[in-house]
Amino acid sequence: AKLYPSYPHLVISSQAAVGTTLKVMENYDKYKFYFRNLPPDPDLNYNVPKTHFAIAKAIGAKKVALLLEEAAWTECARKGCTIQTPYGNFTSKAMKDWVQEEFGLEVVYVANIAVGQKDFLPMLEEAARRGAEYIFVLSSWYTDTITMSKQWAESGAKNIPIGFFGGPNQWGIFYNLTGGKALGSMSIFYDTPDVPPVSGKTREMVKKLNSLGLAVDMSVHYYYSEIYRVKEAIEKVGSLEMDKVIKAMEELQFEHTAVPSKYAYFGYKNPNFHSYTGGYVLVAQFQCGGKPVWITPSELLKEAGFNEEVQKASSVALYKSPEELRKTCPS
């Protein structure tokens, strides 16, 4: 903010704690250069995880366990919150409450994951002891989901479906990093040239970056797509006059590589101003040999605005239990 008057610029940051864009709403002239290419908590941790709970319900689970990373970006998910903004208030119940109320799933266990934690066995065993039929992990890159997957596969919870949020589980090499222990687990997943083509740029971008040895997790899609938005905004303005570029950024509808354009719109005059909006995403299950099989219910993808090719590529009917996969996949 101190630099902007003498050096006009843009900042685009992929983090979820709501306070950053709250500053933009409260003092627009000072902080207008700042954008978040991610939904803020509480939106991120409400509208996006609903994909996992829809899957849980569709595969017959009635009882769920929640393992929630303990960090600023998950505060609303862990405790519930009300965020007051100049564009209205956003109230979110704790995840344990809305999962029960909206999906009819009984939450039998909730645990917080400390940043840097390595021993997940006590949580996994307790989830199994309490009869969980689906385990959801609200993780980021601060949660070692590689180690968790290895421990899950050797624990009393190994036959309980487990779904991850953020973290290395979004990488194409994740399955190999776990030594195959991630077989049957689920994750938001876009890191393969065969990913359903959300836009005309999706597969081309993944193929290009994979050829350079780069993983293409959700955050990479977000940042790569923003380069196109900035380019289009500058072309629309016809100059680098930053105040005008910022206005164009707020107004543009553009092709995103991972989500429908309505979820990447910066100009909504609501608590998501200068942020993405959360919605259903592509969740894949790692099946034989680590092959990603997309299992987000196709009707949810249609509701979210994904194109027909994406809808046809994903079906919850393709889900297989971890136990079945261990028995049938070649060792």
Protein backbone atom coordinates (compact mmCIF):
# COMPACT_ATOMS: atom_id res chain seq x y z
CA ALA A 1 0.00 0.00 0.00
CA LYS A 2 2.90 2.37 0.73
CA LEU A 3 4.47 1.55 -2.62
CA TYR A 4 1.37 1.86 -4.82
CA PRO A 5 1.19 5.68 -5.16
CA SER A 6 4.75 5.87 -6.52
CA TYR A 7 4.81 2.45 -8.19
CA PRO A 8 1.32 1.30 -9.26
CA HIS A 9 1.13 -2.50 -9.36
CA LEU A 10 -1.06 -5.56 -8.79
CA VAL A 11 -0.83 -8.20 -6.06
CA ILE A 12 -2.57 -11.55 -6.60
CA SER A 13 -2.25 -13.94 -3.66
CA SER A 14 -3.59 -17.45 -3.11
CA GLN A 15 -4.39 -17.55 0.60
CA ALA A 16 -7.70 -17.95 2.39
CA ALA A 17 -7.70 -15.92 5.62
CA VAL A 18 -10.48 -13.41 5.03
CA GLY A 19 -8.71 -10.40 6.59
CA THR A 20 -6.69 -9.44 3.52
CA THR A 21 -9.57 -8.70 1.16
CA LEU A 22 -11.57 -7.30 4.05
CA LYS A 23 -9.04 -4.46 3.94
CA VAL A 24 -9.87 -3.92 0.26
CA MET A 25 -13.56 -3.61 1.07
CA GLU A 26 -13.01 -1.30 4.02
CA ASN A 27 -10.43 0.98 2.38
CA TYR A 28 -10.69 0.48 -1.37
CA ASP A 29 -8.60 3.44 -2.49
CA LYS A 30 -5.65 2.26 -0.39
CA TYR A 31 -5.81 -1.49 -1.07
CA LYS A 32 -7.55 -1.79 -4.47
CA PHE A 33 -4.43 -3.36 -6.05
CA TYR A 34 -4.88 -6.56 -4.00
CA PHE A 35 -6.72 -9.61 -5.34
CA ARG A 36 -7.13 -13.14 -3.95
CA ASN A 37 -7.20 -15.98 -6.51
CA LEU A 38 -8.92 -18.26 -4.01
CA PRO A 39 -12.23 -18.10 -2.15
CA PRO A 40 -11.86 -16.69 1.36
CA ASP A 41 -12.62 -18.63 4.49
CA PRO A 42 -15.51 -19.13 5.25
CA ASP A 43 -16.57 -19.60 1.61
CA LEU A 44 -13.60 -21.80 0.70
CA ASN A 45 -14.22 -24.19 3.57
CA TYR A 46 -17.96 -24.37 3.03
CA ASN A 47 -18.78 -24.42 -0.67
CA VAL A 48 -15.76 -26.42 -1.87
CA PRO A 49 -15.81 -29.29 0.71
CA LYS A 50 -19.48 -29.86 -0.08
CA THR A 51 -18.19 -31.86 -3.05
CA HIS A 52 -16.66 -34.38 -0.65
CA PHE A 53 -19.75 -34.69 1.50
CA ALA A 54 -21.97 -35.14 -1.55
CA ILE A 55 -19.68 -38.01 -2.55
CA ALA A 56 -19.77 -39.45 0.97
CA LYS A 57 -23.55 -39.48 0.94
CA ALA A 58 -23.72 -40.91 -2.58
CA ILE A 59 -21.51 -43.89 -1.69
CA GLY A 60 -23.67 -44.71 1.30
CA ALA A 61 -21.75 -43.22 4.22
CA LYS A 62 -23.86 -42.12 7.17
CA LYS A 63 -21.14 -41.29 9.70
CA VAL A 64 -18.15 -39.03 9.05
CA ALA A 65 -14.96 -37.97 10.80
CA LEU A 66 -13.45 -34.52 10.27
CA LEU A 67 -9.70 -33.92 10.54
CA LEU A 68 -9.18 -30.17 10.30
CA GLU A 69 -5.87 -28.37 9.88
CA GLU A 70 -5.45 -25.93 12.75
CA ALA A 71 -4.52 -22.65 11.06
CA ALA A 72 -5.94 -19.18 10.46
CA TRP A 73 -7.44 -20.18 7.11
CA THR A 74 -9.65 -22.87 8.74
CA GLU A 75 -10.92 -20.86 11.71
CA CYS A 76 -14.47 -20.56 10.39
CA ALA A 77 -14.57 -24.28 9.57
CA ARG A 78 -13.38 -25.22 13.03
CA LYS A 79 -15.30 -22.72 15.15
CA GLY A 80 -17.93 -21.04 12.98
CA CYS A 81 -17.81 -17.30 12.39
CA THR A 82 -19.56 -14.14 11.30
CA ILE A 83 -17.61 -11.83 9.00
CA GLN A 84 -18.86 -8.25 8.78
CA THR A 85 -18.01 -6.40 5.57
CA PRO A 86 -19.20 -3.21 3.83
CA TYR A 87 -20.87 -5.51 1.28
CA GLY A 88 -22.84 -7.54 3.80
CA ASN A 89 -22.17 -10.15 6.43
CA PHE A 90 -21.23 -13.78 5.97
CA THR A 91 -22.18 -16.20 8.73
CA SER A 92 -20.90 -19.75 8.71
CA LYS A 93 -21.51 -22.50 11.20
CA ALA A 94 -18.68 -24.83 12.16
CA MET A 95 -18.23 -27.66 9.67
CA LYS A 96 -19.32 -30.25 12.22
CA ASP A 97 -22.70 -28.51 12.42
CA TRP A 98 -23.50 -27.77 8.79
CA VAL A 99 -22.42 -31.22 7.59
CA GLN A 100 -25.03 -32.77 9.85
CA GLU A 101 -27.74 -30.24 9.06
CA GLU A 102 -27.30 -30.05 5.28
CA PHE A 103 -26.21 -33.58 4.40
CA GLY A 104 -27.78 -35.62 7.18
CA LEU A 105 -24.38 -37.12 7.97
CA GLU A 106 -23.61 -37.84 11.60
CA VAL A 107 -20.27 -36.34 12.62
CA VAL A 108 -18.84 -38.92 15.01
CA TYR A 109 -15.35 -37.46 15.43
CA VAL A 110 -13.59 -34.12 15.01
CA ALA A 111 -9.85 -33.55 15.48
CA ASN A 112 -7.53 -30.64 14.81
CA ILE A 113 -4.30 -31.29 12.91
CA ALA A 114 -1.36 -29.24 14.18
CA VAL A 115 0.87 -27.68 11.53
CA GLY A 116 3.87 -29.98 11.11
CA GLN A 117 2.18 -32.96 12.73
CA LYS A 118 3.53 -36.37 11.65
CA ASP A 119 1.68 -38.91 13.80
CA PHE A 120 -1.86 -39.29 12.49
CA LEU A 121 -2.47 -42.83 13.72
CA PRO A 122 -4.29 -41.84 16.94
CA MET A 123 -6.77 -39.77 14.91
CA LEU A 124 -7.29 -42.46 12.30
CA GLU A 125 -7.75 -45.19 14.90
CA GLU A 126 -10.22 -43.05 16.84
CA ALA A 127 -12.20 -42.34 13.68
CA ALA A 128 -12.43 -46.08 13.09
CA ARG A 129 -13.32 -46.81 16.72
CA ARG A 130 -16.21 -44.35 16.54
CA GLY A 131 -17.61 -45.97 13.43
CA ALA A 132 -16.79 -43.34 10.81
CA GLU A 133 -17.69 -44.36 7.27
CA TYR A 134 -15.95 -41.45 5.57
CA ILE A 135 -12.96 -39.38 6.69
CA PHE A 136 -12.59 -35.84 5.39
CA VAL A 137 -9.24 -34.07 5.80
CA LEU A 138 -9.32 -30.27 5.54
CA SER A 139 -5.66 -30.07 4.58
CA SER A 140 -3.28 -27.63 2.94
CA TRP A 141 0.40 -27.96 2.06
CA TYR A 142 1.11 -27.67 5.80
CA THR A 143 -0.45 -31.10 6.36
CA ASP A 144 1.72 -34.07 5.42
CA THR A 145 -0.89 -36.03 3.51
CA ILE A 146 1.83 -38.34 2.16
CA THR A 147 2.60 -39.60 5.65
CA MET A 148 -1.09 -39.61 6.55
CA SER A 149 -1.90 -41.80 3.54
CA LYS A 150 0.79 -44.30 4.49
CA GLN A 151 -0.50 -44.45 8.06
CA TRP A 152 -4.12 -44.69 6.90
CA ALA A 153 -3.32 -47.72 4.72
CA GLU A 154 -1.81 -49.53 7.71
CA SER A 155 -4.37 -48.46 10.32
CA GLY A 156 -7.71 -49.72 11.51
CA ALA A 157 -9.22 -47.04 9.26
CA LYS A 158 -7.74 -48.47 6.05
CA ASN A 159 -11.12 -49.54 4.69
CA ILE A 160 -12.78 -46.21 5.48
CA PRO A 161 -12.88 -43.90 2.43
CA ILE A 162 -10.67 -40.85 2.98
CA GLY A 163 -10.84 -37.58 1.08
CA PHE A 164 -8.16 -34.88 1.07
CA PHE A 165 -8.48 -31.15 0.37
CA GLY A 166 -5.21 -29.29 -0.35
CA GLY A 167 -1.67 -30.62 -0.23
CA PRO A 168 0.64 -32.91 -2.21
CA ASN A 169 -2.37 -35.17 -2.76
CA GLN A 170 -3.16 -32.79 -5.65
CA TRP A 171 0.06 -33.76 -7.46
CA GLY A 172 0.24 -36.38 -10.18
CA ILE A 173 3.21 -38.00 -8.40
CA PHE A 174 1.34 -38.26 -5.08
CA TYR A 175 0.44 -41.93 -5.50
CA ASN A 176 4.07 -42.87 -6.13
CA LEU A 177 5.28 -40.71 -3.24
CA THR A 178 3.10 -42.81 -0.93
CA GLY A 179 4.47 -46.05 -2.37
CA GLY A 180 0.97 -46.87 -3.59
CA LYS A 181 -0.52 -46.53 -0.10
CA ALA A 182 -2.88 -43.82 -1.39
CA LEU A 183 -4.83 -46.47 -3.32
CA GLY A 184 -8.52 -45.72 -2.86
CA SER A 185 -8.06 -42.25 -1.39
CA MET A 186 -9.69 -39.17 -2.94
CA SER A 187 -8.52 -35.66 -3.68
CA ILE A 188 -9.29 -32.50 -5.58
CA PHE A 189 -7.24 -33.33 -8.65
CA TYR A 190 -6.32 -31.57 -11.91
CA ASP A 191 -2.66 -32.61 -12.39
CA THR A 192 -2.77 -34.83 -15.48
CA PRO A 193 -2.98 -34.10 -19.22
CA ASP A 194 -6.15 -36.24 -19.19
CA VAL A 195 -7.95 -33.91 -16.77
CA PRO A 196 -11.47 -33.11 -17.96
CA PRO A 197 -11.16 -29.96 -20.12
CA VAL A 198 -12.69 -27.22 -18.00
CA SER A 199 -11.66 -24.76 -20.72
CA GLY A 200 -9.82 -24.86 -24.02
CA LYS A 201 -6.59 -24.05 -22.20
CA THR A 202 -6.79 -26.67 -19.42
CA ARG A 203 -5.15 -29.72 -20.98
CA GLU A 204 -2.66 -27.70 -23.00
CA MET A 205 -1.46 -25.94 -19.86
CA VAL A 206 -1.13 -29.14 -17.80
CA LYS A 207 0.71 -30.94 -20.59
CA LYS A 208 3.12 -28.05 -21.06
CA LEU A 209 3.96 -27.67 -17.37
CA ASN A 210 4.18 -31.44 -16.79
CA SER A 211 6.69 -31.63 -19.67
CA LEU A 212 8.85 -29.20 -17.69
CA GLY A 213 8.68 -31.46 -14.64
CA LEU A 214 6.22 -29.23 -12.81
CA ALA A 215 3.22 -30.38 -10.79
CA VAL A 216 -0.05 -28.62 -11.57
CA ASP A 217 -2.08 -28.54 -8.38
CA MET A 218 -5.10 -26.30 -7.91
CA SER A 219 -2.99 -23.29 -6.94
CA VAL A 220 -0.95 -23.56 -10.14
CA HIS A 221 -4.17 -23.51 -12.14
CA TYR A 222 -5.24 -20.42 -10.23
CA TYR A 223 -2.00 -18.50 -10.82
CA TYR A 224 -1.62 -19.59 -14.44
CA SER A 225 -5.18 -18.52 -15.20
CA GLU A 226 -4.61 -15.12 -13.59
CA ILE A 227 -1.85 -14.38 -16.11
CA TYR A 228 -4.52 -14.56 -18.80
CA ARG A 229 -6.82 -12.27 -16.83
CA VAL A 230 -4.09 -9.65 -16.38
CA LYS A 231 -3.21 -9.89 -20.09
CA GLU A 232 -6.85 -9.45 -21.13
CA ALA A 233 -7.33 -6.54 -18.73
CA ILE A 234 -4.27 -4.70 -20.07
CA GLU A 235 -5.38 -5.33 -23.65
CA LYS A 236 -8.87 -4.04 -22.84
CA VAL A 237 -7.47 -0.85 -21.29
CA GLY A 238 -4.79 -0.43 -23.94
CA SER A 239 -2.19 0.78 -21.46
CA LEU A 240 -0.57 0.08 -18.09
CA GLU A 241 -2.61 2.77 -16.34
CA MET A 242 -3.10 0.67 -13.23
CA ASP A 243 -6.32 2.18 -11.86
CA LYS A 244 -8.02 1.35 -15.17
CA VAL A 245 -6.44 -2.13 -15.29
CA ILE A 246 -7.81 -2.83 -11.80
CA LYS A 247 -11.31 -1.82 -12.90
CA ALA A 248 -10.99 -4.09 -15.93
CA MET A 249 -9.84 -6.94 -13.66
CA GLU A 250 -13.02 -6.47 -11.64
CA GLU A 251 -15.24 -6.59 -14.72
CA LEU A 252 -13.70 -9.40 -16.78
CA GLN A 253 -15.37 -12.76 -17.32
CA PHE A 254 -12.64 -15.01 -18.71
CA GLU A 255 -11.78 -18.66 -19.35
CA HIS A 256 -10.27 -20.26 -16.25
CA THR A 257 -8.42 -23.58 -16.49
CA ALA A 258 -9.96 -25.16 -13.36
CA VAL A 259 -13.33 -23.61 -12.51
CA PRO A 260 -16.30 -22.07 -14.36
CA SER A 261 -15.77 -18.37 -15.00
CA LYS A 262 -18.51 -17.30 -12.60
CA TYR A 263 -16.42 -18.62 -9.69
CA ALA A 264 -13.37 -16.57 -10.72
CA TYR A 265 -15.15 -13.22 -11.05
CA PHE A 266 -13.59 -10.46 -8.92
CA GLY A 267 -16.34 -7.85 -9.13
CA TYR A 268 -19.17 -9.28 -7.05
CA LYS A 269 -20.29 -6.66 -4.52
CA ASN A 270 -20.47 -9.16 -1.68
CA PRO A 271 -17.99 -10.51 0.92
CA ASN A 272 -16.11 -12.22 -1.94
CA PHE A 273 -15.15 -8.90 -3.56
CA HIS A 274 -11.66 -9.24 -5.13
CA SER A 275 -11.78 -13.00 -4.35
CA TYR A 276 -12.93 -16.19 -6.02
CA THR A 277 -16.24 -17.79 -5.06
CA GLY A 278 -16.33 -21.38 -3.83
CA GLY A 279 -18.18 -24.16 -5.64
CA TYR A 280 -18.07 -27.80 -6.62
CA VAL A 281 -14.73 -29.09 -7.91
CA LEU A 282 -13.29 -32.14 -9.65
CA VAL A 283 -12.52 -34.84 -7.08
CA ALA A 284 -10.71 -37.97 -8.27
CA GLN A 285 -10.12 -41.31 -6.62
CA PHE A 286 -6.71 -42.96 -7.01
CA GLN A 287 -7.49 -46.39 -8.41
CA CYS A 288 -5.25 -49.19 -9.75
CA GLY A 289 -1.73 -47.99 -10.45
CA GLY A 290 -2.61 -44.53 -9.19
CA LYS A 291 -4.95 -43.81 -12.10
CA PRO A 292 -7.17 -40.83 -11.23
CA VAL A 293 -10.86 -41.54 -11.75
CA TRP A 294 -13.15 -38.53 -11.37
CA ILE A 295 -16.12 -39.19 -9.10
CA THR A 296 -17.77 -35.81 -8.48
CA PRO A 297 -21.47 -36.43 -9.23
CA SER A 298 -22.08 -35.17 -12.75
CA GLU A 299 -25.29 -33.40 -11.75
CA LEU A 300 -23.29 -31.22 -9.35
CA LEU A 301 -20.87 -30.28 -12.12
CA LYS A 302 -23.83 -29.33 -14.30
CA GLU A 303 -25.26 -27.22 -11.48
CA ALA A 304 -21.89 -25.48 -11.08
CA GLY A 305 -21.68 -24.60 -14.77
CA PHE A 306 -18.98 -27.01 -15.99
CA ASN A 307 -19.27 -27.91 -19.67
CA GLU A 308 -20.82 -31.17 -20.91
CA GLU A 309 -17.48 -32.84 -21.61
CA VAL A 310 -16.46 -32.35 -17.98
CA GLN A 311 -19.83 -33.61 -16.77
CA LYS A 312 -19.52 -36.79 -18.87
CA ALA A 313 -16.00 -37.47 -17.59
CA SER A 314 -17.03 -37.70 -13.93
CA SER A 315 -19.46 -40.01 -12.16
CA VAL A 316 -19.77 -41.15 -8.57
CA ALA A 317 -20.75 -44.57 -9.97
CA LEU A 318 -17.05 -45.04 -10.83
CA TYR A 319 -16.11 -45.03 -7.13
CA LYS A 320 -14.68 -48.25 -5.67
CA SER A 321 -14.06 -48.97 -2.01
CA PRO A 322 -10.45 -49.04 -0.77
CA GLU A 323 -10.95 -52.66 0.27
CA GLU A 324 -12.14 -53.67 -3.21
CA LEU A 325 -9.23 -51.89 -4.88
CA ARG A 326 -6.66 -53.58 -2.62
CA LYS A 327 -8.14 -56.97 -3.49
CA THR A 328 -8.47 -56.45 -7.24
CA CYS A 329 -5.59 -54.19 -8.29
CA PRO A 330 -2.36 -55.93 -9.37
CA SER A 331 0.22 -55.68 -6.60
